[in-house]
Amino acid sequence: MLEQLAGLLPADATITISGSTDALGTDERNVVLERERAAVTRSFIQSVSGDKFEFEAAVSDKRLDEQTPQGRFLSRSIRIQVSR
């Protein structure tokens, strides 16, 4: 999906990537995981698109309802925002 996204976006777009975690780990560990998720995503997009985009990092504090395993699963994600 990321490769398809990179192919559809116009050159010179700015991509903001935020990693997200569930609330089960410590705050310190979750910050590391959020950054790792965002960095891996950025690295992959750059590997398929070269220098086509500008990248920004962001922090996401939006979590879904974590009362269920599904909510915790969905909170372990990345969010991508595109702007020009």
PDB file of N, CA and C in Angstrom:
ATOM      1  N   MET A   1       0.814  -1.189   0.000  1.00  0.00           N
ATOM      2  CA  MET A   1       0.000   0.000   0.000  1.00  0.00           C
ATOM      3  C   MET A   1       0.859   1.254   0.000  1.00  0.00           C
ATOM      4  N   LEU A   2       1.984   1.214   0.722  1.00  0.00           N
ATOM      5  CA  LEU A   2       2.851   2.392   0.747  1.00  0.00           C
ATOM      6  C   LEU A   2       3.463   2.658  -0.618  1.00  0.00           C
ATOM      7  N   GLU A   3       3.807   1.609  -1.333  1.00  0.00           N
ATOM      8  CA  GLU A   3       4.364   1.783  -2.672  1.00  0.00           C
ATOM      9  C   GLU A   3       3.317   2.400  -3.600  1.00  0.00           C
ATOM     10  N   GLN A   4       2.079   1.943  -3.503  1.00  0.00           N
ATOM     11  CA  GLN A   4       1.001   2.522  -4.305  1.00  0.00           C
ATOM     12  C   GLN A   4       0.788   3.985  -3.947  1.00  0.00           C
ATOM     13  N   LEU A   5       0.806   4.286  -2.665  1.00  0.00           N
ATOM     14  CA  LEU A   5       0.642   5.661  -2.215  1.00  0.00           C
ATOM     15  C   LEU A   5       1.732   6.553  -2.813  1.00  0.00           C
ATOM     16  N   ALA A   6       2.967   6.101  -2.737  1.00  0.00           N
ATOM     17  CA  ALA A   6       4.086   6.886  -3.264  1.00  0.00           C
ATOM     18  C   ALA A   6       3.930   7.133  -4.758  1.00  0.00           C
ATOM     19  N   GLY A   7       3.377   6.164  -5.463  1.00  0.00           N
ATOM     20  CA  GLY A   7       3.177   6.330  -6.897  1.00  0.00           C
ATOM     21  C   GLY A   7       2.058   7.300  -7.251  1.00  0.00           C
ATOM     22  N   LEU A   8       1.106   7.470  -6.363  1.00  0.00           N
ATOM     23  CA  LEU A   8      -0.041   8.331  -6.630  1.00  0.00           C
ATOM     24  C   LEU A   8       0.176   9.789  -6.236  1.00  0.00           C
ATOM     25  N   LEU A   9       1.078  10.030  -5.316  1.00  0.00           N
ATOM     26  CA  LEU A   9       1.264  11.386  -4.806  1.00  0.00           C
ATOM     27  C   LEU A   9       2.119  12.232  -5.737  1.00  0.00           C
ATOM     28  N   PRO A  10       1.810  13.536  -5.810  1.00  0.00           N
ATOM     29  CA  PRO A  10       2.612  14.407  -6.660  1.00  0.00           C
ATOM     30  C   PRO A  10       3.994  14.654  -6.067  1.00  0.00           C
ATOM     31  N   ALA A  11       4.956  14.832  -6.965  1.00  0.00           N
ATOM     32  CA  ALA A  11       6.299  15.212  -6.506  1.00  0.00           C
ATOM     33  C   ALA A  11       6.166  16.527  -5.758  1.00  0.00           C
ATOM     34  N   ASP A  12       7.022  16.756  -4.825  1.00  0.00           N
ATOM     35  CA  ASP A  12       7.097  17.938  -3.967  1.00  0.00           C
ATOM     36  C   ASP A  12       6.050  17.941  -2.854  1.00  0.00           C
ATOM     37  N   ALA A  13       5.296  16.857  -2.700  1.00  0.00           N
ATOM     38  CA  ALA A  13       4.363  16.773  -1.575  1.00  0.00           C
ATOM     39  C   ALA A  13       5.165  16.620  -0.284  1.00  0.00           C
ATOM     40  N   THR A  14       4.598  17.082   0.804  1.00  0.00           N
ATOM     41  CA  THR A  14       5.196  16.885   2.120  1.00  0.00           C
ATOM     42  C   THR A  14       4.419  15.791   2.823  1.00  0.00           C
ATOM     43  N   ILE A  15       5.138  14.790   3.297  1.00  0.00           N
ATOM     44  CA  ILE A  15       4.518  13.660   3.974  1.00  0.00           C
ATOM     45  C   ILE A  15       4.895  13.729   5.446  1.00  0.00           C
ATOM     46  N   THR A  16       3.879  13.791   6.282  1.00  0.00           N
ATOM     47  CA  THR A  16       4.080  13.782   7.729  1.00  0.00           C
ATOM     48  C   THR A  16       3.697  12.402   8.240  1.00  0.00           C
ATOM     49  N   ILE A  17       4.621  11.756   8.919  1.00  0.00           N
ATOM     50  CA  ILE A  17       4.401  10.394   9.405  1.00  0.00           C
ATOM     51  C   ILE A  17       4.427  10.400  10.925  1.00  0.00           C
ATOM     52  N   SER A  18       3.379   9.832  11.501  1.00  0.00           N
ATOM     53  CA  SER A  18       3.281   9.703  12.955  1.00  0.00           C
ATOM     54  C   SER A  18       3.149   8.232  13.306  1.00  0.00           C
ATOM     55  N   GLY A  19       3.965   7.771  14.229  1.00  0.00           N
ATOM     56  CA  GLY A  19       3.805   6.427  14.746  1.00  0.00           C
ATOM     57  C   GLY A  19       2.883   6.462  15.947  1.00  0.00           C
ATOM     58  N   SER A  20       2.232   5.355  16.204  1.00  0.00           N
ATOM     59  CA  SER A  20       1.307   5.279  17.325  1.00  0.00           C
ATOM     60  C   SER A  20       1.456   3.925  18.008  1.00  0.00           C
ATOM     61  N   THR A  21       1.193   3.897  19.293  1.00  0.00           N
ATOM     62  CA  THR A  21       1.255   2.648  20.057  1.00  0.00           C
ATOM     63  C   THR A  21       0.006   2.515  20.909  1.00  0.00           C
ATOM     64  N   ASP A  22      -0.171   1.325  21.456  1.00  0.00           N
ATOM     65  CA  ASP A  22      -1.238   1.186  22.443  1.00  0.00           C
ATOM     66  C   ASP A  22      -0.710   1.673  23.790  1.00  0.00           C
ATOM     67  N   ALA A  23      -1.527   1.640  24.795  1.00  0.00           N
ATOM     68  CA  ALA A  23      -1.159   2.184  26.098  1.00  0.00           C
ATOM     69  C   ALA A  23      -0.573   1.141  27.046  1.00  0.00           C
ATOM     70  N   LEU A  24      -0.276  -0.048  26.548  1.00  0.00           N
ATOM     71  CA  LEU A  24       0.165  -1.114  27.439  1.00  0.00           C
ATOM     72  C   LEU A  24       1.597  -0.957  27.931  1.00  0.00           C
ATOM     73  N   GLY A  25       2.483  -0.416  27.125  1.00  0.00           N
ATOM     74  CA  GLY A  25       3.884  -0.287  27.523  1.00  0.00           C
ATOM     75  C   GLY A  25       4.128   0.970  28.342  1.00  0.00           C
ATOM     76  N   THR A  26       5.366   1.122  28.773  1.00  0.00           N
ATOM     77  CA  THR A  26       5.734   2.354  29.476  1.00  0.00           C
ATOM     78  C   THR A  26       5.774   3.513  28.488  1.00  0.00           C
ATOM     79  N   ASP A  27       5.636   4.715  28.995  1.00  0.00           N
ATOM     80  CA  ASP A  27       5.700   5.887  28.122  1.00  0.00           C
ATOM     81  C   ASP A  27       7.020   5.936  27.365  1.00  0.00           C
ATOM     82  N   GLU A  28       8.122   5.626  28.052  1.00  0.00           N
ATOM     83  CA  GLU A  28       9.441   5.663  27.417  1.00  0.00           C
ATOM     84  C   GLU A  28       9.529   4.653  26.278  1.00  0.00           C
ATOM     85  N   ARG A  29       9.074   3.451  26.517  1.00  0.00           N
ATOM     86  CA  ARG A  29       9.129   2.404  25.482  1.00  0.00           C
ATOM     87  C   ARG A  29       8.208   2.752  24.320  1.00  0.00           C
ATOM     88  N   ASN A  30       7.037   3.286  24.622  1.00  0.00           N
ATOM     89  CA  ASN A  30       6.103   3.631  23.555  1.00  0.00           C
ATOM     90  C   ASN A  30       6.640   4.735  22.661  1.00  0.00           C
ATOM     91  N   VAL A  31       7.354   5.703  23.226  1.00  0.00           N
ATOM     92  CA  VAL A  31       7.958   6.757  22.408  1.00  0.00           C
ATOM     93  C   VAL A  31       8.969   6.148  21.436  1.00  0.00           C
ATOM     94  N   VAL A  32       9.770   5.208  21.920  1.00  0.00           N
ATOM     95  CA  VAL A  32      10.740   4.533  21.051  1.00  0.00           C
ATOM     96  C   VAL A  32      10.017   3.797  19.929  1.00  0.00           C
ATOM     97  N   LEU A  33       8.981   3.049  20.259  1.00  0.00           N
ATOM     98  CA  LEU A  33       8.225   2.307  19.242  1.00  0.00           C
ATOM     99  C   LEU A  33       7.574   3.241  18.227  1.00  0.00           C
ATOM    100  N   GLU A  34       7.007   4.344  18.686  1.00  0.00           N
ATOM    101  CA  GLU A  34       6.384   5.309  17.775  1.00  0.00           C
ATOM    102  C   GLU A  34       7.407   5.855  16.784  1.00  0.00           C
ATOM    103  N   ARG A  35       8.575   6.204  17.280  1.00  0.00           N
ATOM    104  CA  ARG A  35       9.628   6.734  16.401  1.00  0.00           C
ATOM    105  C   ARG A  35      10.124   5.675  15.430  1.00  0.00           C
ATOM    106  N   GLU A  36      10.277   4.443  15.909  1.00  0.00           N
ATOM    107  CA  GLU A  36      10.728   3.362  15.034  1.00  0.00           C
ATOM    108  C   GLU A  36       9.716   3.108  13.921  1.00  0.00           C
ATOM    109  N   ARG A  37       8.446   3.072  14.252  1.00  0.00           N
ATOM    110  CA  ARG A  37       7.410   2.859  13.227  1.00  0.00           C
ATOM    111  C   ARG A  37       7.448   3.952  12.173  1.00  0.00           C
ATOM    112  N   ALA A  38       7.572   5.192  12.602  1.00  0.00           N
ATOM    113  CA  ALA A  38       7.623   6.309  11.659  1.00  0.00           C
ATOM    114  C   ALA A  38       8.893   6.246  10.798  1.00  0.00           C
ATOM    115  N   ALA A  39      10.018   5.914  11.406  1.00  0.00           N
ATOM    116  CA  ALA A  39      11.287   5.861  10.667  1.00  0.00           C
ATOM    117  C   ALA A  39      11.288   4.746   9.630  1.00  0.00           C
ATOM    118  N   VAL A  40      10.768   3.587   9.980  1.00  0.00           N
ATOM    119  CA  VAL A  40      10.712   2.469   9.029  1.00  0.00           C
ATOM    120  C   VAL A  40       9.799   2.817   7.864  1.00  0.00           C
ATOM    121  N   THR A  41       8.690   3.465   8.164  1.00  0.00           N
ATOM    122  CA  THR A  41       7.758   3.866   7.107  1.00  0.00           C
ATOM    123  C   THR A  41       8.410   4.875   6.171  1.00  0.00           C
ATOM    124  N   ARG A  42       9.069   5.860   6.737  1.00  0.00           N
ATOM    125  CA  ARG A  42       9.757   6.860   5.918  1.00  0.00           C
ATOM    126  C   ARG A  42      10.830   6.200   5.057  1.00  0.00           C
ATOM    127  N   SER A  43      11.600   5.325   5.644  1.00  0.00           N
ATOM    128  CA  SER A  43      12.663   4.645   4.907  1.00  0.00           C
ATOM    129  C   SER A  43      12.104   3.855   3.725  1.00  0.00           C
ATOM    130  N   PHE A  44      11.005   3.165   3.942  1.00  0.00           N
ATOM    131  CA  PHE A  44      10.430   2.386   2.837  1.00  0.00           C
ATOM    132  C   PHE A  44       9.925   3.305   1.731  1.00  0.00           C
ATOM    133  N   ILE A  45       9.194   4.354   2.100  1.00  0.00           N
ATOM    134  CA  ILE A  45       8.681   5.262   1.074  1.00  0.00           C
ATOM    135  C   ILE A  45       9.829   5.878   0.289  1.00  0.00           C
ATOM    136  N   GLN A  46      10.900   6.271   0.969  1.00  0.00           N
ATOM    137  CA  GLN A  46      12.063   6.824   0.264  1.00  0.00           C
ATOM    138  C   GLN A  46      12.714   5.786  -0.637  1.00  0.00           C
ATOM    139  N   SER A  47      12.705   4.529  -0.229  1.00  0.00           N
ATOM    140  CA  SER A  47      13.342   3.492  -1.045  1.00  0.00           C
ATOM    141  C   SER A  47      12.620   3.281  -2.370  1.00  0.00           C
ATOM    142  N   VAL A  48      11.322   3.547  -2.409  1.00  0.00           N
ATOM    143  CA  VAL A  48      10.577   3.359  -3.654  1.00  0.00           C
ATOM    144  C   VAL A  48      10.352   4.656  -4.415  1.00  0.00           C
ATOM    145  N   SER A  49      10.624   5.809  -3.776  1.00  0.00           N
ATOM    146  CA  SER A  49      10.339   7.080  -4.440  1.00  0.00           C
ATOM    147  C   SER A  49      11.546   8.004  -4.568  1.00  0.00           C
ATOM    148  N   GLY A  50      12.647   7.643  -3.962  1.00  0.00           N
ATOM    149  CA  GLY A  50      13.822   8.508  -4.018  1.00  0.00           C
ATOM    150  C   GLY A  50      13.582   9.807  -3.272  1.00  0.00           C
ATOM    151  N   ASP A  51      13.976  10.920  -3.891  1.00  0.00           N
ATOM    152  CA  ASP A  51      13.859  12.237  -3.261  1.00  0.00           C
ATOM    153  C   ASP A  51      12.616  12.998  -3.726  1.00  0.00           C
ATOM    154  N   LYS A  52      11.584  12.269  -4.075  1.00  0.00           N
ATOM    155  CA  LYS A  52      10.371  12.872  -4.616  1.00  0.00           C
ATOM    156  C   LYS A  52       9.612  13.711  -3.585  1.00  0.00           C
ATOM    157  N   PHE A  53       9.761  13.384  -2.292  1.00  0.00           N
ATOM    158  CA  PHE A  53       8.962  14.020  -1.248  1.00  0.00           C
ATOM    159  C   PHE A  53       9.817  14.656  -0.162  1.00  0.00           C
ATOM    160  N   GLU A  54       9.211  15.595   0.538  1.00  0.00           N
ATOM    161  CA  GLU A  54       9.756  16.120   1.784  1.00  0.00           C
ATOM    162  C   GLU A  54       9.088  15.317   2.905  1.00  0.00           C
ATOM    163  N   PHE A  55       9.813  15.087   3.985  1.00  0.00           N
ATOM    164  CA  PHE A  55       9.257  14.328   5.101  1.00  0.00           C
ATOM    165  C   PHE A  55       9.319  15.139   6.378  1.00  0.00           C
ATOM    166  N   GLU A  56       8.305  14.956   7.202  1.00  0.00           N
ATOM    167  CA  GLU A  56       8.278  15.542   8.532  1.00  0.00           C
ATOM    168  C   GLU A  56       7.882  14.450   9.516  1.00  0.00           C
ATOM    169  N   ALA A  57       8.356  14.582  10.710  1.00  0.00           N
ATOM    170  CA  ALA A  57       7.986  13.645  11.770  1.00  0.00           C
ATOM    171  C   ALA A  57       6.959  14.314  12.671  1.00  0.00           C
ATOM    172  N   ALA A  58       6.099  13.526  13.238  1.00  0.00           N
ATOM    173  CA  ALA A  58       5.100  14.053  14.159  1.00  0.00           C
ATOM    174  C   ALA A  58       4.847  13.015  15.241  1.00  0.00           C
ATOM    175  N   VAL A  59       4.203  13.451  16.280  1.00  0.00           N
ATOM    176  CA  VAL A  59       3.826  12.561  17.370  1.00  0.00           C
ATOM    177  C   VAL A  59       2.312  12.466  17.379  1.00  0.00           C
ATOM    178  N   SER A  60       1.822  11.261  17.489  1.00  0.00           N
ATOM    179  CA  SER A  60       0.378  11.069  17.535  1.00  0.00           C
ATOM    180  C   SER A  60      -0.025  10.634  18.932  1.00  0.00           C
ATOM    181  N   ASP A  61      -0.939  11.369  19.510  1.00  0.00           N
ATOM    182  CA  ASP A  61      -1.436  10.960  20.820  1.00  0.00           C
ATOM    183  C   ASP A  61      -2.876  10.455  20.714  1.00  0.00           C
ATOM    184  N   LYS A  62      -3.327  10.251  19.493  1.00  0.00           N
ATOM    185  CA  LYS A  62      -4.678   9.755  19.278  1.00  0.00           C
ATOM    186  C   LYS A  62      -4.681   8.231  19.383  1.00  0.00           C
ATOM    187  N   ARG A  63      -5.362   7.756  20.373  1.00  0.00           N
ATOM    188  CA  ARG A  63      -5.503   6.311  20.519  1.00  0.00           C
ATOM    189  C   ARG A  63      -6.976   5.960  20.390  1.00  0.00           C
ATOM    190  N   LEU A  64      -7.203   4.789  19.892  1.00  0.00           N
ATOM    191  CA  LEU A  64      -8.574   4.299  19.791  1.00  0.00           C
ATOM    192  C   LEU A  64      -8.987   3.683  21.115  1.00  0.00           C
ATOM    193  N   ASP A  65     -10.219   3.280  21.207  1.00  0.00           N
ATOM    194  CA  ASP A  65     -10.710   2.628  22.415  1.00  0.00           C
ATOM    195  C   ASP A  65      -9.887   1.369  22.670  1.00  0.00           C
ATOM    196  N   GLU A  66      -9.194   1.344  23.786  1.00  0.00           N
ATOM    197  CA  GLU A  66      -8.315   0.214  24.077  1.00  0.00           C
ATOM    198  C   GLU A  66      -8.915  -0.758  25.079  1.00  0.00           C
ATOM    199  N   GLN A  67     -10.213  -0.745  25.184  1.00  0.00           N
ATOM    200  CA  GLN A  67     -10.880  -1.693  26.071  1.00  0.00           C
ATOM    201  C   GLN A  67     -10.985  -3.079  25.439  1.00  0.00           C
ATOM    202  N   THR A  68     -10.679  -3.161  24.156  1.00  0.00           N
ATOM    203  CA  THR A  68     -10.746  -4.437  23.447  1.00  0.00           C
ATOM    204  C   THR A  68      -9.412  -4.730  22.783  1.00  0.00           C
ATOM    205  N   PRO A  69      -9.110  -5.996  22.519  1.00  0.00           N
ATOM    206  CA  PRO A  69      -7.888  -6.319  21.775  1.00  0.00           C
ATOM    207  C   PRO A  69      -7.862  -5.655  20.396  1.00  0.00           C
ATOM    208  N   GLN A  70      -9.011  -5.528  19.751  1.00  0.00           N
ATOM    209  CA  GLN A  70      -9.071  -4.899  18.433  1.00  0.00           C
ATOM    210  C   GLN A  70      -8.674  -3.425  18.510  1.00  0.00           C
ATOM    211  N   GLY A  71      -9.153  -2.729  19.538  1.00  0.00           N
ATOM    212  CA  GLY A  71      -8.789  -1.323  19.708  1.00  0.00           C
ATOM    213  C   GLY A  71      -7.307  -1.147  19.961  1.00  0.00           C
ATOM    214  N   ARG A  72      -6.729  -2.017  20.791  1.00  0.00           N
ATOM    215  CA  ARG A  72      -5.287  -1.948  21.047  1.00  0.00           C
ATOM    216  C   ARG A  72      -4.506  -2.239  19.774  1.00  0.00           C
ATOM    217  N   PHE A  73      -4.963  -3.218  18.993  1.00  0.00           N
ATOM    218  CA  PHE A  73      -4.309  -3.554  17.724  1.00  0.00           C
ATOM    219  C   PHE A  73      -4.317  -2.346  16.786  1.00  0.00           C
ATOM    220  N   LEU A  74      -5.462  -1.705  16.657  1.00  0.00           N
ATOM    221  CA  LEU A  74      -5.575  -0.562  15.748  1.00  0.00           C
ATOM    222  C   LEU A  74      -4.766   0.641  16.217  1.00  0.00           C
ATOM    223  N   SER A  75      -4.521   0.737  17.511  1.00  0.00           N
ATOM    224  CA  SER A  75      -3.689   1.829  18.024  1.00  0.00           C
ATOM    225  C   SER A  75      -2.224   1.641  17.666  1.00  0.00           C
ATOM    226  N   ARG A  76      -1.808   0.430  17.380  1.00  0.00           N
ATOM    227  CA  ARG A  76      -0.429   0.149  16.966  1.00  0.00           C
ATOM    228  C   ARG A  76      -0.325   0.382  15.465  1.00  0.00           C
ATOM    229  N   SER A  77      -0.100   1.622  15.086  1.00  0.00           N
ATOM    230  CA  SER A  77      -0.214   1.968  13.669  1.00  0.00           C
ATOM    231  C   SER A  77       0.671   3.154  13.318  1.00  0.00           C
ATOM    232  N   ILE A  78       0.560   3.550  12.071  1.00  0.00           N
ATOM    233  CA  ILE A  78       1.159   4.797  11.596  1.00  0.00           C
ATOM    234  C   ILE A  78       0.041   5.647  10.996  1.00  0.00           C
ATOM    235  N   ARG A  79       0.261   6.922  11.006  1.00  0.00           N
ATOM    236  CA  ARG A  79      -0.661   7.844  10.348  1.00  0.00           C
ATOM    237  C   ARG A  79       0.153   8.682   9.371  1.00  0.00           C
ATOM    238  N   ILE A  80      -0.396   8.821   8.184  1.00  0.00           N
ATOM    239  CA  ILE A  80       0.294   9.576   7.126  1.00  0.00           C
ATOM    240  C   ILE A  80      -0.588  10.729   6.697  1.00  0.00           C
ATOM    241  N   GLN A  81      -0.017  11.915   6.741  1.00  0.00           N
ATOM    242  CA  GLN A  81      -0.716  13.117   6.282  1.00  0.00           C
ATOM    243  C   GLN A  81       0.079  13.695   5.114  1.00  0.00           C
ATOM    244  N   VAL A  82      -0.615  14.068   4.068  1.00  0.00           N
ATOM    245  CA  VAL A  82       0.048  14.599   2.878  1.00  0.00           C
ATOM    246  C   VAL A  82      -0.414  16.030   2.656  1.00  0.00           C
ATOM    247  N   SER A  83       0.533  16.904   2.384  1.00  0.00           N
ATOM    248  CA  SER A  83       0.202  18.291   2.069  1.00  0.00           C
ATOM    249  C   SER A  83       1.130  18.770   0.951  1.00  0.00           C
ATOM    250  N   ARG A  84       0.723  19.871   0.356  1.00  0.00           N
ATOM    251  CA  ARG A  84       1.527  20.461  -0.725  1.00  0.00           C
ATOM    252  C   ARG A  84       1.955  21.848  -0.373  1.00  0.00           C
TER     253      ARG A  84
END
